[in-house]
Amino acid sequence: MIIDVPGVDTGNHLAVANCINKFLAKNSQKHQANNTNFLPAYLPSHVPPPQSHPWEIYDDLKRVSVSKAGCPDNIPQKIINECAFELSLPVSHIINASLEHGVVPTQWKEANVIPLPKQTPPSIEKVRPISLTPTLAKFVEKRVSKSIIKAIEPFIDSQQYGNQKGVSTTHCLIDVYHKLISEAEKPGTVMSVHLL
């Protein structure tokens, strides 16, 4: 599939790729980097970072799908899967050191970005970047995400239906329906429903 870039010959794949790269990079470069001096809870934290144990990393490494696309780290998924036992201890040390020091290895920040067209025919203004990140970076993301969710879970409103595992807009509709039926059964109740 060829993405239409105004003013660029569609046969010149390198020029098309460079234009798409510039377009996608423009969106991320228009924002300034976060200044960590303005983040009071940044480091040092009074809460220790989550620890990754070798047996947990072993389970993650064994679950790596060998059929997935390659990552920018150029480590074949099959090697990660088959050498899970041997890799689990050093990988757990790397992850723990990264979280303890608050430093993300440069290699984990790289990604292969694939522009996925949102419409047909595809155009440069309507592409969505899909990032293939290094496998180890995905493990750290997953671990940090789990620890953050676990920490904030008691504070999440019971009426929060979006962005939660196992909860969807269907649950919200059921809740609204239940409230409507419950109120309708009470004598002398007048209700009005506005759907926008």
C-alpha atoms as a PDB file:
ATOM      1  CA  MET A   1       0.000   0.000   0.000  1.00  0.00           C
ATOM      2  CA  ILE A   2       1.429   3.378  -0.991  1.00  0.00           C
ATOM      3  CA  ILE A   3       0.747   6.462   1.113  1.00  0.00           C
ATOM      4  CA  ASP A   4       0.110   9.593  -0.924  1.00  0.00           C
ATOM      5  CA  VAL A   5       2.512  12.424  -0.075  1.00  0.00           C
ATOM      6  CA  PRO A   6       1.804  15.676  -1.954  1.00  0.00           C
ATOM      7  CA  GLY A   7       4.730  16.785  -4.107  1.00  0.00           C
ATOM      8  CA  VAL A   8       6.639  13.487  -3.827  1.00  0.00           C
ATOM      9  CA  ASP A   9       6.860  10.826  -6.534  1.00  0.00           C
ATOM     10  CA  THR A  10       5.171   7.653  -5.202  1.00  0.00           C
ATOM     11  CA  GLY A  11       7.894   5.583  -6.902  1.00  0.00           C
ATOM     12  CA  ASN A  12      10.581   7.205  -4.749  1.00  0.00           C
ATOM     13  CA  HIS A  13      10.071   5.080  -1.618  1.00  0.00           C
ATOM     14  CA  LEU A  14      12.942   6.686   0.312  1.00  0.00           C
ATOM     15  CA  ALA A  15      11.531  10.195  -0.210  1.00  0.00           C
ATOM     16  CA  VAL A  16       8.030   9.010   0.806  1.00  0.00           C
ATOM     17  CA  ALA A  17       9.457   7.334   3.947  1.00  0.00           C
ATOM     18  CA  ASN A  18      11.418  10.476   4.879  1.00  0.00           C
ATOM     19  CA  CYS A  19       8.316  12.672   4.479  1.00  0.00           C
ATOM     20  CA  ILE A  20       6.272  10.312   6.678  1.00  0.00           C
ATOM     21  CA  ASN A  21       9.067  10.276   9.292  1.00  0.00           C
ATOM     22  CA  LYS A  22       9.185  14.088   9.372  1.00  0.00           C
ATOM     23  CA  PHE A  23       5.395  14.283   9.633  1.00  0.00           C
ATOM     24  CA  LEU A  24       5.224  11.831  12.564  1.00  0.00           C
ATOM     25  CA  ALA A  25       8.282  13.335  14.312  1.00  0.00           C
ATOM     26  CA  LYS A  26       6.786  16.831  14.063  1.00  0.00           C
ATOM     27  CA  ASN A  27       3.949  15.812  16.395  1.00  0.00           C
ATOM     28  CA  SER A  28       6.263  14.539  19.115  1.00  0.00           C
ATOM     29  CA  GLN A  29       8.819  17.345  18.797  1.00  0.00           C
ATOM     30  CA  LYS A  30       6.369  20.206  19.245  1.00  0.00           C
ATOM     31  CA  HIS A  31       6.163  19.432  22.985  1.00  0.00           C
ATOM     32  CA  GLN A  32       8.962  20.221  25.399  1.00  0.00           C
ATOM     33  CA  ALA A  33      10.423  17.422  27.480  1.00  0.00           C
ATOM     34  CA  ASN A  34       9.171  17.185  31.068  1.00  0.00           C
ATOM     35  CA  ASN A  35      11.327  19.057  33.526  1.00  0.00           C
ATOM     36  CA  THR A  36      11.831  16.636  36.406  1.00  0.00           C
ATOM     37  CA  ASN A  37      12.480  19.561  38.797  1.00  0.00           C
ATOM     38  CA  PHE A  38       8.743  20.292  38.669  1.00  0.00           C
ATOM     39  CA  LEU A  39       7.822  16.721  39.645  1.00  0.00           C
ATOM     40  CA  PRO A  40       8.105  16.677  43.449  1.00  0.00           C
ATOM     41  CA  ALA A  41       7.530  12.936  43.732  1.00  0.00           C
ATOM     42  CA  TYR A  42      10.023  12.047  41.007  1.00  0.00           C
ATOM     43  CA  LEU A  43      13.134  10.829  42.850  1.00  0.00           C
ATOM     44  CA  PRO A  44      13.981   9.865  45.481  1.00  0.00           C
ATOM     45  CA  SER A  45      10.699   8.180  46.178  1.00  0.00           C
ATOM     46  CA  HIS A  46       9.647   7.105  49.650  1.00  0.00           C
ATOM     47  CA  VAL A  47       8.187   3.974  48.058  1.00  0.00           C
ATOM     48  CA  PRO A  48      10.707   1.491  46.665  1.00  0.00           C
ATOM     49  CA  PRO A  49      10.281   0.553  43.003  1.00  0.00           C
ATOM     50  CA  PRO A  50       8.641  -2.773  42.222  1.00  0.00           C
ATOM     51  CA  GLN A  51      11.114  -5.657  42.198  1.00  0.00           C
ATOM     52  CA  SER A  52      11.202  -8.148  39.354  1.00  0.00           C
ATOM     53  CA  HIS A  53      12.172 -11.643  40.406  1.00  0.00           C
ATOM     54  CA  PRO A  54      13.909 -14.058  38.016  1.00  0.00           C
ATOM     55  CA  TRP A  55      11.013 -16.518  38.099  1.00  0.00           C
ATOM     56  CA  GLU A  56       8.568 -13.757  37.070  1.00  0.00           C
ATOM     57  CA  ILE A  57      10.860 -12.685  34.239  1.00  0.00           C
ATOM     58  CA  TYR A  58      11.230 -16.325  33.209  1.00  0.00           C
ATOM     59  CA  ASP A  59       7.437 -16.581  32.865  1.00  0.00           C
ATOM     60  CA  ASP A  60       7.364 -13.379  30.793  1.00  0.00           C
ATOM     61  CA  LEU A  61      10.203 -14.561  28.555  1.00  0.00           C
ATOM     62  CA  LYS A  62       8.511 -17.933  27.981  1.00  0.00           C
ATOM     63  CA  ARG A  63       5.328 -16.115  26.902  1.00  0.00           C
ATOM     64  CA  VAL A  64       7.100 -14.188  24.141  1.00  0.00           C
ATOM     65  CA  SER A  65       5.362 -14.971  20.872  1.00  0.00           C
ATOM     66  CA  VAL A  66       7.857 -16.172  18.280  1.00  0.00           C
ATOM     67  CA  SER A  67       5.443 -15.202  15.491  1.00  0.00           C
ATOM     68  CA  LYS A  68       5.392 -11.483  16.336  1.00  0.00           C
ATOM     69  CA  ALA A  69       7.228  -8.868  14.299  1.00  0.00           C
ATOM     70  CA  GLY A  70      10.869  -8.131  15.017  1.00  0.00           C
ATOM     71  CA  CYS A  71      11.890  -5.340  17.342  1.00  0.00           C
ATOM     72  CA  PRO A  72      14.554  -2.643  17.026  1.00  0.00           C
ATOM     73  CA  ASP A  73      16.795  -4.530  19.468  1.00  0.00           C
ATOM     74  CA  ASN A  74      17.325  -7.186  16.744  1.00  0.00           C
ATOM     75  CA  ILE A  75      17.053  -9.988  19.292  1.00  0.00           C
ATOM     76  CA  PRO A  76      15.006 -12.762  17.666  1.00  0.00           C
ATOM     77  CA  GLN A  77      11.866 -13.546  19.675  1.00  0.00           C
ATOM     78  CA  LYS A  78      12.652 -17.254  19.326  1.00  0.00           C
ATOM     79  CA  ILE A  79      16.008 -16.802  21.119  1.00  0.00           C
ATOM     80  CA  ILE A  80      14.319 -14.909  23.957  1.00  0.00           C
ATOM     81  CA  ASN A  81      11.718 -17.662  24.289  1.00  0.00           C
ATOM     82  CA  GLU A  82      14.120 -20.593  24.092  1.00  0.00           C
ATOM     83  CA  CYS A  83      16.772 -19.043  26.372  1.00  0.00           C
ATOM     84  CA  ALA A  84      14.289 -17.807  28.974  1.00  0.00           C
ATOM     85  CA  PHE A  85      15.943 -19.683  31.846  1.00  0.00           C
ATOM     86  CA  GLU A  86      19.437 -18.361  31.065  1.00  0.00           C
ATOM     87  CA  LEU A  87      18.201 -14.791  30.482  1.00  0.00           C
ATOM     88  CA  SER A  88      15.849 -14.501  33.461  1.00  0.00           C
ATOM     89  CA  LEU A  89      18.488 -13.632  36.101  1.00  0.00           C
ATOM     90  CA  PRO A  90      20.468 -10.993  34.153  1.00  0.00           C
ATOM     91  CA  VAL A  91      17.283  -9.434  32.738  1.00  0.00           C
ATOM     92  CA  SER A  92      15.754  -9.171  36.229  1.00  0.00           C
ATOM     93  CA  HIS A  93      18.947  -7.424  37.443  1.00  0.00           C
ATOM     94  CA  ILE A  94      18.828  -4.961  34.523  1.00  0.00           C
ATOM     95  CA  ILE A  95      15.143  -4.187  35.093  1.00  0.00           C
ATOM     96  CA  ASN A  96      15.584  -3.741  38.852  1.00  0.00           C
ATOM     97  CA  ALA A  97      18.621  -1.467  38.376  1.00  0.00           C
ATOM     98  CA  SER A  98      16.764   0.611  35.802  1.00  0.00           C
ATOM     99  CA  LEU A  99      13.780   1.145  38.109  1.00  0.00           C
ATOM    100  CA  GLU A 100      15.937   1.740  41.189  1.00  0.00           C
ATOM    101  CA  HIS A 101      18.036   4.443  39.505  1.00  0.00           C
ATOM    102  CA  GLY A 102      15.187   5.925  37.475  1.00  0.00           C
ATOM    103  CA  VAL A 103      17.126   5.556  34.238  1.00  0.00           C
ATOM    104  CA  VAL A 104      15.782   3.887  31.115  1.00  0.00           C
ATOM    105  CA  PRO A 105      18.448   2.316  28.874  1.00  0.00           C
ATOM    106  CA  THR A 106      18.757   4.133  25.551  1.00  0.00           C
ATOM    107  CA  GLN A 107      18.138   0.898  23.637  1.00  0.00           C
ATOM    108  CA  TRP A 108      14.707   0.589  25.272  1.00  0.00           C
ATOM    109  CA  LYS A 109      13.701   4.012  23.950  1.00  0.00           C
ATOM    110  CA  GLU A 110      14.098   3.002  20.308  1.00  0.00           C
ATOM    111  CA  ALA A 111      11.163   1.838  18.221  1.00  0.00           C
ATOM    112  CA  ASN A 112      10.365   0.776  14.697  1.00  0.00           C
ATOM    113  CA  VAL A 113       7.462   3.009  13.731  1.00  0.00           C
ATOM    114  CA  ILE A 114       5.039   1.743  11.112  1.00  0.00           C
ATOM    115  CA  PRO A 115       2.606   4.273   9.625  1.00  0.00           C
ATOM    116  CA  LEU A 116      -0.809   2.635   9.504  1.00  0.00           C
ATOM    117  CA  PRO A 117      -3.319   4.418   7.233  1.00  0.00           C
ATOM    118  CA  LYS A 118      -6.625   5.356   8.877  1.00  0.00           C
ATOM    119  CA  GLN A 119      -8.516   5.635   5.592  1.00  0.00           C
ATOM    120  CA  THR A 120      -8.520   4.523   1.970  1.00  0.00           C
ATOM    121  CA  PRO A 121      -6.900   5.878  -0.132  1.00  0.00           C
ATOM    122  CA  PRO A 122      -4.087   6.465   2.371  1.00  0.00           C
ATOM    123  CA  SER A 123      -2.715   9.989   2.836  1.00  0.00           C
ATOM    124  CA  ILE A 124       0.066  11.390   5.011  1.00  0.00           C
ATOM    125  CA  GLU A 125      -2.374  13.459   7.115  1.00  0.00           C
ATOM    126  CA  LYS A 126      -4.331  10.345   8.090  1.00  0.00           C
ATOM    127  CA  VAL A 127      -1.730   7.877   9.368  1.00  0.00           C
ATOM    128  CA  ARG A 128      -1.456   6.396  12.828  1.00  0.00           C
ATOM    129  CA  PRO A 129       2.010   5.447  14.082  1.00  0.00           C
ATOM    130  CA  ILE A 130       2.351   1.897  15.389  1.00  0.00           C
ATOM    131  CA  SER A 131       5.545   1.513  17.421  1.00  0.00           C
ATOM    132  CA  LEU A 132       7.331  -1.801  17.708  1.00  0.00           C
ATOM    133  CA  THR A 133       9.345  -1.420  20.899  1.00  0.00           C
ATOM    134  CA  PRO A 134      12.058  -3.702  22.318  1.00  0.00           C
ATOM    135  CA  THR A 135      10.792  -6.798  24.104  1.00  0.00           C
ATOM    136  CA  LEU A 136      12.510  -5.946  27.391  1.00  0.00           C
ATOM    137  CA  ALA A 137      11.019  -2.449  27.334  1.00  0.00           C
ATOM    138  CA  LYS A 138       7.561  -4.046  27.043  1.00  0.00           C
ATOM    139  CA  PHE A 139       8.264  -6.161  30.140  1.00  0.00           C
ATOM    140  CA  VAL A 140       9.218  -3.091  32.174  1.00  0.00           C
ATOM    141  CA  GLU A 141       6.169  -1.166  30.932  1.00  0.00           C
ATOM    142  CA  LYS A 142       3.918  -4.049  31.948  1.00  0.00           C
ATOM    143  CA  ARG A 143       5.493  -4.356  35.410  1.00  0.00           C
ATOM    144  CA  VAL A 144       5.355  -0.614  36.114  1.00  0.00           C
ATOM    145  CA  SER A 145       1.793  -0.419  34.832  1.00  0.00           C
ATOM    146  CA  LYS A 146       0.698  -3.266  37.117  1.00  0.00           C
ATOM    147  CA  SER A 147       2.300  -1.651  40.168  1.00  0.00           C
ATOM    148  CA  ILE A 148       0.708   1.735  39.412  1.00  0.00           C
ATOM    149  CA  ILE A 149      -2.736   0.194  38.890  1.00  0.00           C
ATOM    150  CA  LYS A 150      -2.351  -1.756  42.133  1.00  0.00           C
ATOM    151  CA  ALA A 151      -1.406   1.454  44.004  1.00  0.00           C
ATOM    152  CA  ILE A 152      -4.292   3.581  42.654  1.00  0.00           C
ATOM    153  CA  GLU A 153      -6.977   0.875  42.520  1.00  0.00           C
ATOM    154  CA  PRO A 154      -8.466   1.731  45.940  1.00  0.00           C
ATOM    155  CA  PHE A 155      -8.920   5.338  44.800  1.00  0.00           C
ATOM    156  CA  ILE A 156     -10.651   4.624  41.468  1.00  0.00           C
ATOM    157  CA  ASP A 157     -14.308   5.609  41.466  1.00  0.00           C
ATOM    158  CA  SER A 158     -16.733   2.682  41.197  1.00  0.00           C
ATOM    159  CA  GLN A 159     -18.448   4.644  38.397  1.00  0.00           C
ATOM    160  CA  GLN A 160     -15.235   4.578  36.297  1.00  0.00           C
ATOM    161  CA  TYR A 161     -15.966   2.326  33.330  1.00  0.00           C
ATOM    162  CA  GLY A 162     -13.270   3.271  30.829  1.00  0.00           C
ATOM    163  CA  ASN A 163      -9.654   2.144  30.782  1.00  0.00           C
ATOM    164  CA  GLN A 164     -10.120  -0.668  33.266  1.00  0.00           C
ATOM    165  CA  LYS A 165      -9.527  -4.343  32.743  1.00  0.00           C
ATOM    166  CA  GLY A 166     -12.735  -6.352  32.644  1.00  0.00           C
ATOM    167  CA  VAL A 167     -14.988  -3.284  32.559  1.00  0.00           C
ATOM    168  CA  SER A 168     -16.574  -1.762  29.481  1.00  0.00           C
ATOM    169  CA  THR A 169     -19.229   0.678  28.331  1.00  0.00           C
ATOM    170  CA  THR A 170     -21.694  -2.230  28.456  1.00  0.00           C
ATOM    171  CA  HIS A 171     -21.318  -2.202  32.248  1.00  0.00           C
ATOM    172  CA  CYS A 172     -22.110   1.511  32.232  1.00  0.00           C
ATOM    173  CA  LEU A 173     -25.270   0.931  30.170  1.00  0.00           C
ATOM    174  CA  ILE A 174     -26.365  -1.874  32.513  1.00  0.00           C
ATOM    175  CA  ASP A 175     -25.781   0.412  35.519  1.00  0.00           C
ATOM    176  CA  VAL A 176     -27.841   3.232  33.952  1.00  0.00           C
ATOM    177  CA  TYR A 177     -30.588   0.769  32.996  1.00  0.00           C
ATOM    178  CA  HIS A 178     -30.659  -0.641  36.546  1.00  0.00           C
ATOM    179  CA  LYS A 179     -30.944   2.865  38.047  1.00  0.00           C
ATOM    180  CA  LEU A 180     -33.759   3.783  35.643  1.00  0.00           C
ATOM    181  CA  ILE A 181     -35.739   0.622  36.427  1.00  0.00           C
ATOM    182  CA  SER A 182     -35.156   0.998  40.178  1.00  0.00           C
ATOM    183  CA  GLU A 183     -36.381   4.584  40.158  1.00  0.00           C
ATOM    184  CA  ALA A 184     -39.327   3.812  37.847  1.00  0.00           C
ATOM    185  CA  GLU A 185     -40.679   1.293  40.357  1.00  0.00           C
ATOM    186  CA  LYS A 186     -40.932   3.930  43.103  1.00  0.00           C
ATOM    187  CA  PRO A 187     -44.374   5.543  43.283  1.00  0.00           C
ATOM    188  CA  GLY A 188     -44.581   9.211  42.347  1.00  0.00           C
ATOM    189  CA  THR A 189     -41.274   9.217  40.464  1.00  0.00           C
ATOM    190  CA  VAL A 190     -40.917  11.324  37.343  1.00  0.00           C
ATOM    191  CA  MET A 191     -37.922  10.696  35.125  1.00  0.00           C
ATOM    192  CA  SER A 192     -36.477  12.274  32.056  1.00  0.00           C
ATOM    193  CA  VAL A 193     -33.748  10.708  29.921  1.00  0.00           C
ATOM    194  CA  HIS A 194     -31.770  12.837  27.475  1.00  0.00           C
ATOM    195  CA  LEU A 195     -29.667  11.005  24.936  1.00  0.00           C
ATOM    196  CA  LEU A 196     -27.147  13.138  23.109  1.00  0.00           C
END
